[in-house]
Amino acid sequence: MVWRKPNSEMEMKNMTSSVRHGSGSQMVWGCMSAVGVGNLHFIDGMMDKYMYLGILKQNLKQSAEKMGISPHYKLYQDNDPKHNAHICRLCSLYQCPQVIRTPAHSADLNPIENIWDHLKN
């Protein structure tokens, strides 16, 4: 329930825009570190393990170099099935010095979720 002054519900400061029927959504891969942000990769369509593999190959090392943390960086990702696919785990082990394993259903521990939340608002 929201409390407002009478007849103020249509004032612009009290209105929130919304998007209906799912339009306006964009899936993005991104990375960050304590020193800055890396590449953003905009994803068209549904991402599968092969698309994710291509994103890692194209962006992971390049982002680490851009942030100045190469070659001593760690990959932190959630437990999405695409991230845990055998082919993607092999690629990340090959490209990244260390991969940090996370517990299942641990969105609270994933620091990039705070950035995505900030961008949504």
PDB file of N, CA and C in Angstrom:
ATOM      1  N   MET A   1       0.837  -1.166   0.000  1.00  0.00           N
ATOM      2  CA  MET A   1       0.000   0.000   0.000  1.00  0.00           C
ATOM      3  C   MET A   1       0.893   1.244   0.000  1.00  0.00           C
ATOM      4  N   VAL A   2       0.520   2.242  -0.745  1.00  0.00           N
ATOM      5  CA  VAL A   2       1.270   3.487  -0.858  1.00  0.00           C
ATOM      6  C   VAL A   2       0.402   4.622  -0.339  1.00  0.00           C
ATOM      7  N   TRP A   3       0.982   5.473   0.491  1.00  0.00           N
ATOM      8  CA  TRP A   3       0.258   6.629   1.025  1.00  0.00           C
ATOM      9  C   TRP A   3       0.693   7.881   0.281  1.00  0.00           C
ATOM     10  N   ARG A   4      -0.294   8.610  -0.256  1.00  0.00           N
ATOM     11  CA  ARG A   4      -0.048   9.867  -0.959  1.00  0.00           C
ATOM     12  C   ARG A   4      -1.096  10.889  -0.538  1.00  0.00           C
ATOM     13  N   LYS A   5      -0.822  12.120  -0.892  1.00  0.00           N
ATOM     14  CA  LYS A   5      -1.819  13.167  -0.674  1.00  0.00           C
ATOM     15  C   LYS A   5      -2.989  12.912  -1.617  1.00  0.00           C
ATOM     16  N   PRO A   6      -4.179  13.304  -1.249  1.00  0.00           N
ATOM     17  CA  PRO A   6      -5.345  13.101  -2.120  1.00  0.00           C
ATOM     18  C   PRO A   6      -5.122  13.740  -3.501  1.00  0.00           C
ATOM     19  N   ASN A   7      -5.550  13.043  -4.544  1.00  0.00           N
ATOM     20  CA  ASN A   7      -5.488  13.483  -5.942  1.00  0.00           C
ATOM     21  C   ASN A   7      -4.062  13.697  -6.457  1.00  0.00           C
ATOM     22  N   SER A   8      -3.069  13.041  -5.878  1.00  0.00           N
ATOM     23  CA  SER A   8      -1.701  13.213  -6.352  1.00  0.00           C
ATOM     24  C   SER A   8      -1.174  11.985  -7.106  1.00  0.00           C
ATOM     25  N   GLU A   9      -2.022  10.972  -7.299  1.00  0.00           N
ATOM     26  CA  GLU A   9      -1.550   9.731  -7.915  1.00  0.00           C
ATOM     27  C   GLU A   9      -1.106   9.895  -9.365  1.00  0.00           C
ATOM     28  N   MET A  10      -1.565  10.907 -10.073  1.00  0.00           N
ATOM     29  CA  MET A  10      -1.208  11.085 -11.471  1.00  0.00           C
ATOM     30  C   MET A  10      -0.059  12.077 -11.675  1.00  0.00           C
ATOM     31  N   GLU A  11       0.536  12.566 -10.606  1.00  0.00           N
ATOM     32  CA  GLU A  11       1.695  13.442 -10.740  1.00  0.00           C
ATOM     33  C   GLU A  11       2.883  12.609 -11.230  1.00  0.00           C
ATOM     34  N   MET A  12       3.720  13.202 -12.074  1.00  0.00           N
ATOM     35  CA  MET A  12       4.833  12.474 -12.684  1.00  0.00           C
ATOM     36  C   MET A  12       5.764  11.856 -11.641  1.00  0.00           C
ATOM     37  N   LYS A  13       5.997  12.529 -10.543  1.00  0.00           N
ATOM     38  CA  LYS A  13       6.913  11.999  -9.529  1.00  0.00           C
ATOM     39  C   LYS A  13       6.367  10.729  -8.877  1.00  0.00           C
ATOM     40  N   ASN A  14       5.061  10.479  -8.989  1.00  0.00           N
ATOM     41  CA  ASN A  14       4.445   9.299  -8.385  1.00  0.00           C
ATOM     42  C   ASN A  14       4.189   8.181  -9.379  1.00  0.00           C
ATOM     43  N   MET A  15       4.605   8.355 -10.609  1.00  0.00           N
ATOM     44  CA  MET A  15       4.354   7.348 -11.636  1.00  0.00           C
ATOM     45  C   MET A  15       5.624   6.570 -11.940  1.00  0.00           C
ATOM     46  N   THR A  16       5.469   5.296 -12.185  1.00  0.00           N
ATOM     47  CA  THR A  16       6.578   4.424 -12.533  1.00  0.00           C
ATOM     48  C   THR A  16       6.297   3.817 -13.895  1.00  0.00           C
ATOM     49  N   SER A  17       7.250   3.916 -14.798  1.00  0.00           N
ATOM     50  CA  SER A  17       7.050   3.313 -16.112  1.00  0.00           C
ATOM     51  C   SER A  17       7.269   1.810 -16.015  1.00  0.00           C
ATOM     52  N   SER A  18       6.641   1.080 -16.892  1.00  0.00           N
ATOM     53  CA  SER A  18       6.820  -0.371 -16.919  1.00  0.00           C
ATOM     54  C   SER A  18       6.758  -0.852 -18.358  1.00  0.00           C
ATOM     55  N   VAL A  19       7.335  -2.005 -18.573  1.00  0.00           N
ATOM     56  CA  VAL A  19       7.318  -2.633 -19.890  1.00  0.00           C
ATOM     57  C   VAL A  19       6.490  -3.897 -19.778  1.00  0.00           C
ATOM     58  N   ARG A  20       5.554  -4.065 -20.661  1.00  0.00           N
ATOM     59  CA  ARG A  20       4.671  -5.232 -20.601  1.00  0.00           C
ATOM     60  C   ARG A  20       5.020  -6.237 -21.694  1.00  0.00           C
ATOM     61  N   HIS A  21       4.628  -7.461 -21.464  1.00  0.00           N
ATOM     62  CA  HIS A  21       4.759  -8.550 -22.438  1.00  0.00           C
ATOM     63  C   HIS A  21       6.208  -8.887 -22.756  1.00  0.00           C
ATOM     64  N   GLY A  22       7.130  -8.619 -21.856  1.00  0.00           N
ATOM     65  CA  GLY A  22       8.509  -9.072 -22.008  1.00  0.00           C
ATOM     66  C   GLY A  22       9.365  -8.274 -22.971  1.00  0.00           C
ATOM     67  N   SER A  23       8.833  -7.281 -23.647  1.00  0.00           N
ATOM     68  CA  SER A  23       9.668  -6.533 -24.576  1.00  0.00           C
ATOM     69  C   SER A  23      10.602  -5.621 -23.801  1.00  0.00           C
ATOM     70  N   GLY A  24      11.699  -5.248 -24.402  1.00  0.00           N
ATOM     71  CA  GLY A  24      12.637  -4.360 -23.747  1.00  0.00           C
ATOM     72  C   GLY A  24      13.679  -5.087 -22.921  1.00  0.00           C
ATOM     73  N   SER A  25      13.713  -6.403 -22.981  1.00  0.00           N
ATOM     74  CA  SER A  25      14.665  -7.175 -22.199  1.00  0.00           C
ATOM     75  C   SER A  25      15.920  -7.443 -23.032  1.00  0.00           C
ATOM     76  N   GLN A  26      17.056  -7.439 -22.382  1.00  0.00           N
ATOM     77  CA  GLN A  26      18.315  -7.704 -23.075  1.00  0.00           C
ATOM     78  C   GLN A  26      19.204  -8.536 -22.163  1.00  0.00           C
ATOM     79  N   MET A  27      19.719  -9.642 -22.678  1.00  0.00           N
ATOM     80  CA  MET A  27      20.640 -10.462 -21.905  1.00  0.00           C
ATOM     81  C   MET A  27      22.058  -9.987 -22.193  1.00  0.00           C
ATOM     82  N   VAL A  28      22.859  -9.861 -21.126  1.00  0.00           N
ATOM     83  CA  VAL A  28      24.204  -9.316 -21.240  1.00  0.00           C
ATOM     84  C   VAL A  28      25.169 -10.169 -20.428  1.00  0.00           C
ATOM     85  N   TRP A  29      26.338 -10.436 -20.979  1.00  0.00           N
ATOM     86  CA  TRP A  29      27.441 -11.027 -20.208  1.00  0.00           C
ATOM     87  C   TRP A  29      28.380  -9.889 -19.859  1.00  0.00           C
ATOM     88  N   GLY A  30      28.829  -9.849 -18.616  1.00  0.00           N
ATOM     89  CA  GLY A  30      29.757  -8.814 -18.189  1.00  0.00           C
ATOM     90  C   GLY A  30      30.685  -9.340 -17.127  1.00  0.00           C
ATOM     91  N   CYS A  31      31.743  -8.593 -16.873  1.00  0.00           N
ATOM     92  CA  CYS A  31      32.685  -8.978 -15.824  1.00  0.00           C
ATOM     93  C   CYS A  31      33.217  -7.737 -15.132  1.00  0.00           C
ATOM     94  N   MET A  32      33.735  -7.956 -13.917  1.00  0.00           N
ATOM     95  CA  MET A  32      34.253  -6.844 -13.130  1.00  0.00           C
ATOM     96  C   MET A  32      35.333  -7.357 -12.199  1.00  0.00           C
ATOM     97  N   SER A  33      36.092  -6.420 -11.683  1.00  0.00           N
ATOM     98  CA  SER A  33      37.090  -6.718 -10.663  1.00  0.00           C
ATOM     99  C   SER A  33      37.150  -5.532  -9.716  1.00  0.00           C
ATOM    100  N   ALA A  34      38.033  -5.605  -8.744  1.00  0.00           N
ATOM    101  CA  ALA A  34      38.169  -4.497  -7.794  1.00  0.00           C
ATOM    102  C   ALA A  34      38.706  -3.245  -8.469  1.00  0.00           C
ATOM    103  N   VAL A  35      39.361  -3.381  -9.624  1.00  0.00           N
ATOM    104  CA  VAL A  35      39.955  -2.222 -10.290  1.00  0.00           C
ATOM    105  C   VAL A  35      39.094  -1.651 -11.414  1.00  0.00           C
ATOM    106  N   GLY A  36      38.013  -2.320 -11.765  1.00  0.00           N
ATOM    107  CA  GLY A  36      37.168  -1.791 -12.827  1.00  0.00           C
ATOM    108  C   GLY A  36      36.310  -2.854 -13.480  1.00  0.00           C
ATOM    109  N   VAL A  37      35.767  -2.494 -14.630  1.00  0.00           N
ATOM    110  CA  VAL A  37      34.885  -3.403 -15.360  1.00  0.00           C
ATOM    111  C   VAL A  37      35.547  -3.824 -16.663  1.00  0.00           C
ATOM    112  N   GLY A  38      35.163  -5.001 -17.115  1.00  0.00           N
ATOM    113  CA  GLY A  38      35.667  -5.527 -18.379  1.00  0.00           C
ATOM    114  C   GLY A  38      34.655  -5.325 -19.480  1.00  0.00           C
ATOM    115  N   ASN A  39      34.713  -6.196 -20.457  1.00  0.00           N
ATOM    116  CA  ASN A  39      33.828  -6.105 -21.615  1.00  0.00           C
ATOM    117  C   ASN A  39      32.381  -6.421 -21.242  1.00  0.00           C
ATOM    118  N   LEU A  40      31.472  -5.857 -22.018  1.00  0.00           N
ATOM    119  CA  LEU A  40      30.071  -6.265 -22.009  1.00  0.00           C
ATOM    120  C   LEU A  40      29.806  -6.949 -23.335  1.00  0.00           C
ATOM    121  N   HIS A  41      29.103  -8.046 -23.277  1.00  0.00           N
ATOM    122  CA  HIS A  41      28.767  -8.769 -24.498  1.00  0.00           C
ATOM    123  C   HIS A  41      27.249  -8.909 -24.536  1.00  0.00           C
ATOM    124  N   PHE A  42      26.612  -8.299 -25.522  1.00  0.00           N
ATOM    125  CA  PHE A  42      25.167  -8.366 -25.662  1.00  0.00           C
ATOM    126  C   PHE A  42      24.793  -9.634 -26.391  1.00  0.00           C
ATOM    127  N   ILE A  43      23.806 -10.348 -25.864  1.00  0.00           N
ATOM    128  CA  ILE A  43      23.449 -11.677 -26.345  1.00  0.00           C
ATOM    129  C   ILE A  43      22.124 -11.605 -27.084  1.00  0.00           C
ATOM    130  N   ASP A  44      22.124 -12.119 -28.295  1.00  0.00           N
ATOM    131  CA  ASP A  44      20.897 -12.212 -29.080  1.00  0.00           C
ATOM    132  C   ASP A  44      20.346 -13.625 -28.958  1.00  0.00           C
ATOM    133  N   GLY A  45      19.070 -13.745 -28.633  1.00  0.00           N
ATOM    134  CA  GLY A  45      18.443 -15.048 -28.529  1.00  0.00           C
ATOM    135  C   GLY A  45      18.768 -15.741 -27.218  1.00  0.00           C
ATOM    136  N   MET A  46      18.577 -17.033 -27.226  1.00  0.00           N
ATOM    137  CA  MET A  46      18.822 -17.840 -26.031  1.00  0.00           C
ATOM    138  C   MET A  46      20.271 -18.310 -26.022  1.00  0.00           C
ATOM    139  N   MET A  47      20.909 -18.179 -24.876  1.00  0.00           N
ATOM    140  CA  MET A  47      22.302 -18.591 -24.763  1.00  0.00           C
ATOM    141  C   MET A  47      22.372 -20.065 -24.382  1.00  0.00           C
ATOM    142  N   ASP A  48      23.223 -20.803 -25.065  1.00  0.00           N
ATOM    143  CA  ASP A  48      23.500 -22.180 -24.702  1.00  0.00           C
ATOM    144  C   ASP A  48      24.986 -22.297 -24.372  1.00  0.00           C
ATOM    145  N   LYS A  49      25.444 -23.499 -24.069  1.00  0.00           N
ATOM    146  CA  LYS A  49      26.832 -23.670 -23.647  1.00  0.00           C
ATOM    147  C   LYS A  49      27.818 -23.293 -24.744  1.00  0.00           C
ATOM    148  N   TYR A  50      27.453 -23.467 -25.997  1.00  0.00           N
ATOM    149  CA  TYR A  50      28.369 -23.130 -27.096  1.00  0.00           C
ATOM    150  C   TYR A  50      28.491 -21.610 -27.257  1.00  0.00           C
ATOM    151  N   MET A  51      27.373 -20.906 -27.098  1.00  0.00           N
ATOM    152  CA  MET A  51      27.426 -19.449 -27.154  1.00  0.00           C
ATOM    153  C   MET A  51      28.235 -18.922 -25.966  1.00  0.00           C
ATOM    154  N   TYR A  52      28.023 -19.497 -24.791  1.00  0.00           N
ATOM    155  CA  TYR A  52      28.769 -19.080 -23.605  1.00  0.00           C
ATOM    156  C   TYR A  52      30.263 -19.341 -23.793  1.00  0.00           C
ATOM    157  N   LEU A  53      30.597 -20.461 -24.377  1.00  0.00           N
ATOM    158  CA  LEU A  53      31.996 -20.786 -24.663  1.00  0.00           C
ATOM    159  C   LEU A  53      32.617 -19.733 -25.576  1.00  0.00           C
ATOM    160  N   GLY A  54      31.900 -19.330 -26.608  1.00  0.00           N
ATOM    161  CA  GLY A  54      32.390 -18.284 -27.508  1.00  0.00           C
ATOM    162  C   GLY A  54      32.579 -16.955 -26.806  1.00  0.00           C
ATOM    163  N   ILE A  55      31.670 -16.631 -25.893  1.00  0.00           N
ATOM    164  CA  ILE A  55      31.776 -15.384 -25.131  1.00  0.00           C
ATOM    165  C   ILE A  55      33.023 -15.409 -24.260  1.00  0.00           C
ATOM    166  N   LEU A  56      33.268 -16.540 -23.585  1.00  0.00           N
ATOM    167  CA  LEU A  56      34.476 -16.664 -22.755  1.00  0.00           C
ATOM    168  C   LEU A  56      35.738 -16.500 -23.594  1.00  0.00           C
ATOM    169  N   LYS A  57      35.778 -17.195 -24.721  1.00  0.00           N
ATOM    170  CA  LYS A  57      36.966 -17.128 -25.588  1.00  0.00           C
ATOM    171  C   LYS A  57      37.214 -15.712 -26.092  1.00  0.00           C
ATOM    172  N   GLN A  58      36.151 -15.007 -26.394  1.00  0.00           N
ATOM    173  CA  GLN A  58      36.268 -13.668 -26.967  1.00  0.00           C
ATOM    174  C   GLN A  58      36.551 -12.595 -25.916  1.00  0.00           C
ATOM    175  N   ASN A  59      36.054 -12.770 -24.689  1.00  0.00           N
ATOM    176  CA  ASN A  59      36.058 -11.668 -23.733  1.00  0.00           C
ATOM    177  C   ASN A  59      36.871 -11.857 -22.461  1.00  0.00           C
ATOM    178  N   LEU A  60      37.116 -13.081 -22.024  1.00  0.00           N
ATOM    179  CA  LEU A  60      37.698 -13.284 -20.703  1.00  0.00           C
ATOM    180  C   LEU A  60      39.119 -12.740 -20.592  1.00  0.00           C
ATOM    181  N   LYS A  61      40.019 -13.227 -21.425  1.00  0.00           N
ATOM    182  CA  LYS A  61      41.405 -12.745 -21.369  1.00  0.00           C
ATOM    183  C   LYS A  61      41.503 -11.270 -21.748  1.00  0.00           C
ATOM    184  N   GLN A  62      40.751 -10.880 -22.745  1.00  0.00           N
ATOM    185  CA  GLN A  62      40.770  -9.490 -23.185  1.00  0.00           C
ATOM    186  C   GLN A  62      40.324  -8.553 -22.056  1.00  0.00           C
ATOM    187  N   SER A  63      39.311  -8.951 -21.304  1.00  0.00           N
ATOM    188  CA  SER A  63      38.833  -8.132 -20.191  1.00  0.00           C
ATOM    189  C   SER A  63      39.875  -8.064 -19.079  1.00  0.00           C
ATOM    190  N   ALA A  64      40.524  -9.185 -18.792  1.00  0.00           N
ATOM    191  CA  ALA A  64      41.554  -9.203 -17.750  1.00  0.00           C
ATOM    192  C   ALA A  64      42.708  -8.280 -18.136  1.00  0.00           C
ATOM    193  N   GLU A  65      43.090  -8.296 -19.399  1.00  0.00           N
ATOM    194  CA  GLU A  65      44.155  -7.405 -19.864  1.00  0.00           C
ATOM    195  C   GLU A  65      43.721  -5.946 -19.797  1.00  0.00           C
ATOM    196  N   LYS A  66      42.478  -5.682 -20.174  1.00  0.00           N
ATOM    197  CA  LYS A  66      41.935  -4.322 -20.142  1.00  0.00           C
ATOM    198  C   LYS A  66      41.944  -3.757 -18.720  1.00  0.00           C
ATOM    199  N   MET A  67      41.651  -4.621 -17.739  1.00  0.00           N
ATOM    200  CA  MET A  67      41.612  -4.180 -16.343  1.00  0.00           C
ATOM    201  C   MET A  67      42.991  -4.193 -15.693  1.00  0.00           C
ATOM    202  N   GLY A  68      43.983  -4.743 -16.395  1.00  0.00           N
ATOM    203  CA  GLY A  68      45.340  -4.784 -15.860  1.00  0.00           C
ATOM    204  C   GLY A  68      45.553  -5.845 -14.794  1.00  0.00           C
ATOM    205  N   ILE A  69      44.745  -6.903 -14.818  1.00  0.00           N
ATOM    206  CA  ILE A  69      44.880  -7.960 -13.811  1.00  0.00           C
ATOM    207  C   ILE A  69      45.404  -9.264 -14.401  1.00  0.00           C
ATOM    208  N   SER A  70      45.690  -9.251 -15.680  1.00  0.00           N
ATOM    209  CA  SER A  70      46.221 -10.445 -16.329  1.00  0.00           C
ATOM    210  C   SER A  70      47.693 -10.590 -15.960  1.00  0.00           C
ATOM    211  N   PRO A  71      48.235 -11.725 -15.730  1.00  0.00           N
ATOM    212  CA  PRO A  71      47.667 -13.071 -15.844  1.00  0.00           C
ATOM    213  C   PRO A  71      47.158 -13.629 -14.521  1.00  0.00           C
ATOM    214  N   HIS A  72      47.018 -12.824 -13.480  1.00  0.00           N
ATOM    215  CA  HIS A  72      46.670 -13.334 -12.151  1.00  0.00           C
ATOM    216  C   HIS A  72      45.237 -12.989 -11.773  1.00  0.00           C
ATOM    217  N   TYR A  73      44.292 -13.466 -12.526  1.00  0.00           N
ATOM    218  CA  TYR A  73      42.895 -13.198 -12.227  1.00  0.00           C
ATOM    219  C   TYR A  73      42.175 -14.505 -11.924  1.00  0.00           C
ATOM    220  N   LYS A  74      41.011 -14.389 -11.302  1.00  0.00           N
ATOM    221  CA  LYS A  74      40.200 -15.548 -10.954  1.00  0.00           C
ATOM    222  C   LYS A  74      38.822 -15.375 -11.567  1.00  0.00           C
ATOM    223  N   LEU A  75      38.282 -16.454 -12.082  1.00  0.00           N
ATOM    224  CA  LEU A  75      36.946 -16.437 -12.669  1.00  0.00           C
ATOM    225  C   LEU A  75      35.944 -16.860 -11.603  1.00  0.00           C
ATOM    226  N   TYR A  76      34.958 -16.021 -11.378  1.00  0.00           N
ATOM    227  CA  TYR A  76      33.878 -16.321 -10.434  1.00  0.00           C
ATOM    228  C   TYR A  76      32.589 -16.302 -11.226  1.00  0.00           C
ATOM    229  N   GLN A  77      31.877 -17.410 -11.212  1.00  0.00           N
ATOM    230  CA  GLN A  77      30.600 -17.472 -11.916  1.00  0.00           C
ATOM    231  C   GLN A  77      29.635 -18.320 -11.109  1.00  0.00           C
ATOM    232  N   ASP A  78      28.349 -18.147 -11.374  1.00  0.00           N
ATOM    233  CA  ASP A  78      27.365 -18.913 -10.617  1.00  0.00           C
ATOM    234  C   ASP A  78      27.244 -20.325 -11.187  1.00  0.00           C
ATOM    235  N   ASN A  79      26.299 -21.067 -10.674  1.00  0.00           N
ATOM    236  CA  ASN A  79      26.159 -22.479 -11.046  1.00  0.00           C
ATOM    237  C   ASN A  79      25.157 -22.701 -12.174  1.00  0.00           C
ATOM    238  N   ASP A  80      25.044 -21.758 -13.058  1.00  0.00           N
ATOM    239  CA  ASP A  80      24.179 -21.950 -14.215  1.00  0.00           C
ATOM    240  C   ASP A  80      24.654 -23.192 -14.973  1.00  0.00           C
ATOM    241  N   PRO A  81      23.737 -24.020 -15.459  1.00  0.00           N
ATOM    242  CA  PRO A  81      24.153 -25.234 -16.178  1.00  0.00           C
ATOM    243  C   PRO A  81      25.096 -24.958 -17.361  1.00  0.00           C
ATOM    244  N   LYS A  82      24.938 -23.804 -18.013  1.00  0.00           N
ATOM    245  CA  LYS A  82      25.855 -23.475 -19.122  1.00  0.00           C
ATOM    246  C   LYS A  82      27.273 -23.276 -18.602  1.00  0.00           C
ATOM    247  N   HIS A  83      27.410 -22.660 -17.446  1.00  0.00           N
ATOM    248  CA  HIS A  83      28.731 -22.415 -16.871  1.00  0.00           C
ATOM    249  C   HIS A  83      29.401 -23.711 -16.449  1.00  0.00           C
ATOM    250  N   ASN A  84      28.595 -24.680 -16.018  1.00  0.00           N
ATOM    251  CA  ASN A  84      29.129 -25.942 -15.529  1.00  0.00           C
ATOM    252  C   ASN A  84      29.218 -27.029 -16.590  1.00  0.00           C
ATOM    253  N   ALA A  85      28.853 -26.698 -17.824  1.00  0.00           N
ATOM    254  CA  ALA A  85      28.989 -27.680 -18.901  1.00  0.00           C
ATOM    255  C   ALA A  85      30.458 -28.065 -19.041  1.00  0.00           C
ATOM    256  N   HIS A  86      30.707 -29.323 -19.318  1.00  0.00           N
ATOM    257  CA  HIS A  86      32.079 -29.843 -19.377  1.00  0.00           C
ATOM    258  C   HIS A  86      32.960 -29.027 -20.321  1.00  0.00           C
ATOM    259  N   ILE A  87      32.447 -28.704 -21.487  1.00  0.00           N
ATOM    260  CA  ILE A  87      33.242 -27.969 -22.484  1.00  0.00           C
ATOM    261  C   ILE A  87      33.589 -26.566 -21.983  1.00  0.00           C
ATOM    262  N   CYS A  88      32.677 -25.920 -21.232  1.00  0.00           N
ATOM    263  CA  CYS A  88      32.938 -24.575 -20.695  1.00  0.00           C
ATOM    264  C   CYS A  88      33.894 -24.624 -19.517  1.00  0.00           C
ATOM    265  N   ARG A  89      33.788 -25.661 -18.683  1.00  0.00           N
ATOM    266  CA  ARG A  89      34.730 -25.807 -17.567  1.00  0.00           C
ATOM    267  C   ARG A  89      36.140 -26.046 -18.084  1.00  0.00           C
ATOM    268  N   LEU A  90      36.283 -26.841 -19.135  1.00  0.00           N
ATOM    269  CA  LEU A  90      37.613 -27.067 -19.717  1.00  0.00           C
ATOM    270  C   LEU A  90      38.185 -25.777 -20.272  1.00  0.00           C
ATOM    271  N   CYS A  91      37.369 -25.015 -20.959  1.00  0.00           N
ATOM    272  CA  CYS A  91      37.823 -23.749 -21.536  1.00  0.00           C
ATOM    273  C   CYS A  91      38.246 -22.776 -20.448  1.00  0.00           C
ATOM    274  N   SER A  92      37.439 -22.649 -19.386  1.00  0.00           N
ATOM    275  CA  SER A  92      37.779 -21.704 -18.331  1.00  0.00           C
ATOM    276  C   SER A  92      39.044 -22.142 -17.589  1.00  0.00           C
ATOM    277  N   LEU A  93      39.253 -23.439 -17.433  1.00  0.00           N
ATOM    278  CA  LEU A  93      40.491 -23.910 -16.810  1.00  0.00           C
ATOM    279  C   LEU A  93      41.702 -23.610 -17.679  1.00  0.00           C
ATOM    280  N   TYR A  94      41.519 -23.683 -18.990  1.00  0.00           N
ATOM    281  CA  TYR A  94      42.609 -23.410 -19.924  1.00  0.00           C
ATOM    282  C   TYR A  94      42.922 -21.919 -19.979  1.00  0.00           C
ATOM    283  N   GLN A  95      41.895 -21.081 -19.977  1.00  0.00           N
ATOM    284  CA  GLN A  95      42.087 -19.638 -20.147  1.00  0.00           C
ATOM    285  C   GLN A  95      42.330 -18.886 -18.854  1.00  0.00           C
ATOM    286  N   CYS A  96      41.933 -19.457 -17.725  1.00  0.00           N
ATOM    287  CA  CYS A  96      41.955 -18.722 -16.473  1.00  0.00           C
ATOM    288  C   CYS A  96      42.822 -19.437 -15.450  1.00  0.00           C
ATOM    289  N   PRO A  97      43.692 -18.696 -14.733  1.00  0.00           N
ATOM    290  CA  PRO A  97      44.564 -19.335 -13.760  1.00  0.00           C
ATOM    291  C   PRO A  97      43.808 -20.031 -12.625  1.00  0.00           C
ATOM    292  N   GLN A  98      42.656 -19.502 -12.232  1.00  0.00           N
ATOM    293  CA  GLN A  98      41.907 -20.112 -11.142  1.00  0.00           C
ATOM    294  C   GLN A  98      40.425 -19.826 -11.306  1.00  0.00           C
ATOM    295  N   VAL A  99      39.607 -20.846 -11.077  1.00  0.00           N
ATOM    296  CA  VAL A  99      38.160 -20.710 -11.119  1.00  0.00           C
ATOM    297  C   VAL A  99      37.641 -20.908  -9.705  1.00  0.00           C
ATOM    298  N   ILE A 100      36.861 -19.960  -9.213  1.00  0.00           N
ATOM    299  CA  ILE A 100      36.299 -20.037  -7.874  1.00  0.00           C
ATOM    300  C   ILE A 100      34.975 -20.782  -7.958  1.00  0.00           C
ATOM    301  N   ARG A 101      34.855 -21.856  -7.225  1.00  0.00           N
ATOM    302  CA  ARG A 101      33.621 -22.652  -7.192  1.00  0.00           C
ATOM    303  C   ARG A 101      32.651 -22.005  -6.205  1.00  0.00           C
ATOM    304  N   THR A 102      31.377 -22.006  -6.544  1.00  0.00           N
ATOM    305  CA  THR A 102      30.368 -21.405  -5.678  1.00  0.00           C
ATOM    306  C   THR A 102      29.353 -22.444  -5.255  1.00  0.00           C
ATOM    307  N   PRO A 103      28.744 -22.269  -4.085  1.00  0.00           N
ATOM    308  CA  PRO A 103      27.677 -23.182  -3.668  1.00  0.00           C
ATOM    309  C   PRO A 103      26.428 -22.974  -4.525  1.00  0.00           C
ATOM    310  N   ALA A 104      25.617 -23.991  -4.613  1.00  0.00           N
ATOM    311  CA  ALA A 104      24.375 -23.897  -5.386  1.00  0.00           C
ATOM    312  C   ALA A 104      23.445 -22.860  -4.784  1.00  0.00           C
ATOM    313  N   HIS A 105      22.679 -22.194  -5.635  1.00  0.00           N
ATOM    314  CA  HIS A 105      21.678 -21.205  -5.218  1.00  0.00           C
ATOM    315  C   HIS A 105      22.282 -20.125  -4.325  1.00  0.00           C
ATOM    316  N   SER A 106      23.381 -19.539  -4.761  1.00  0.00           N
ATOM    317  CA  SER A 106      24.080 -18.548  -3.937  1.00  0.00           C
ATOM    318  C   SER A 106      24.127 -17.181  -4.611  1.00  0.00           C
ATOM    319  N   ALA A 107      22.985 -16.727  -5.098  1.00  0.00           N
ATOM    320  CA  ALA A 107      22.948 -15.427  -5.785  1.00  0.00           C
ATOM    321  C   ALA A 107      23.403 -14.295  -4.875  1.00  0.00           C
ATOM    322  N   ASP A 108      23.194 -14.439  -3.558  1.00  0.00           N
ATOM    323  CA  ASP A 108      23.605 -13.394  -2.620  1.00  0.00           C
ATOM    324  C   ASP A 108      25.113 -13.218  -2.603  1.00  0.00           C
ATOM    325  N   LEU A 109      25.853 -14.263  -2.933  1.00  0.00           N
ATOM    326  CA  LEU A 109      27.310 -14.207  -2.893  1.00  0.00           C
ATOM    327  C   LEU A 109      27.921 -13.692  -4.183  1.00  0.00           C
ATOM    328  N   ASN A 110      27.122 -13.543  -5.209  1.00  0.00           N
ATOM    329  CA  ASN A 110      27.619 -13.133  -6.513  1.00  0.00           C
ATOM    330  C   ASN A 110      27.622 -11.607  -6.601  1.00  0.00           C
ATOM    331  N   PRO A 111      28.806 -10.978  -6.555  1.00  0.00           N
ATOM    332  CA  PRO A 111      28.853  -9.509  -6.502  1.00  0.00           C
ATOM    333  C   PRO A 111      28.308  -8.815  -7.738  1.00  0.00           C
ATOM    334  N   ILE A 112      28.321  -9.461  -8.887  1.00  0.00           N
ATOM    335  CA  ILE A 112      27.831  -8.779 -10.090  1.00  0.00           C
ATOM    336  C   ILE A 112      26.313  -8.619 -10.052  1.00  0.00           C
ATOM    337  N   GLU A 113      25.622  -9.408  -9.232  1.00  0.00           N
ATOM    338  CA  GLU A 113      24.176  -9.251  -9.105  1.00  0.00           C
ATOM    339  C   GLU A 113      23.829  -7.847  -8.599  1.00  0.00           C
ATOM    340  N   ASN A 114      24.683  -7.272  -7.770  1.00  0.00           N
ATOM    341  CA  ASN A 114      24.448  -5.903  -7.299  1.00  0.00           C
ATOM    342  C   ASN A 114      24.531  -4.907  -8.442  1.00  0.00           C
ATOM    343  N   ILE A 115      25.452  -5.125  -9.372  1.00  0.00           N
ATOM    344  CA  ILE A 115      25.574  -4.228 -10.537  1.00  0.00           C
ATOM    345  C   ILE A 115      24.344  -4.382 -11.436  1.00  0.00           C
ATOM    346  N   TRP A 116      23.926  -5.626 -11.696  1.00  0.00           N
ATOM    347  CA  TRP A 116      22.754  -5.826 -12.560  1.00  0.00           C
ATOM    348  C   TRP A 116      21.533  -5.176 -11.911  1.00  0.00           C
ATOM    349  N   ASP A 117      21.385  -5.296 -10.600  1.00  0.00           N
ATOM    350  CA  ASP A 117      20.255  -4.679  -9.895  1.00  0.00           C
ATOM    351  C   ASP A 117      20.305  -3.157 -10.043  1.00  0.00           C
ATOM    352  N   HIS A 118      21.499  -2.590  -9.920  1.00  0.00           N
ATOM    353  CA  HIS A 118      21.665  -1.141 -10.076  1.00  0.00           C
ATOM    354  C   HIS A 118      21.303  -0.696 -11.490  1.00  0.00           C
ATOM    355  N   LEU A 119      21.700  -1.468 -12.494  1.00  0.00           N
ATOM    356  CA  LEU A 119      21.392  -1.108 -13.886  1.00  0.00           C
ATOM    357  C   LEU A 119      19.899  -1.211 -14.175  1.00  0.00           C
ATOM    358  N   LYS A 120      19.218  -2.182 -13.547  1.00  0.00           N
ATOM    359  CA  LYS A 120      17.779  -2.323 -13.757  1.00  0.00           C
ATOM    360  C   LYS A 120      17.022  -1.136 -13.202  1.00  0.00           C
ATOM    361  N   ASN A 121      17.520  -0.592 -12.102  1.00  0.00           N
ATOM    362  CA  ASN A 121      16.815   0.526 -11.467  1.00  0.00           C
ATOM    363  C   ASN A 121      17.340   1.819 -12.028  1.00  0.00           C
TER     364      ASN A 121
END
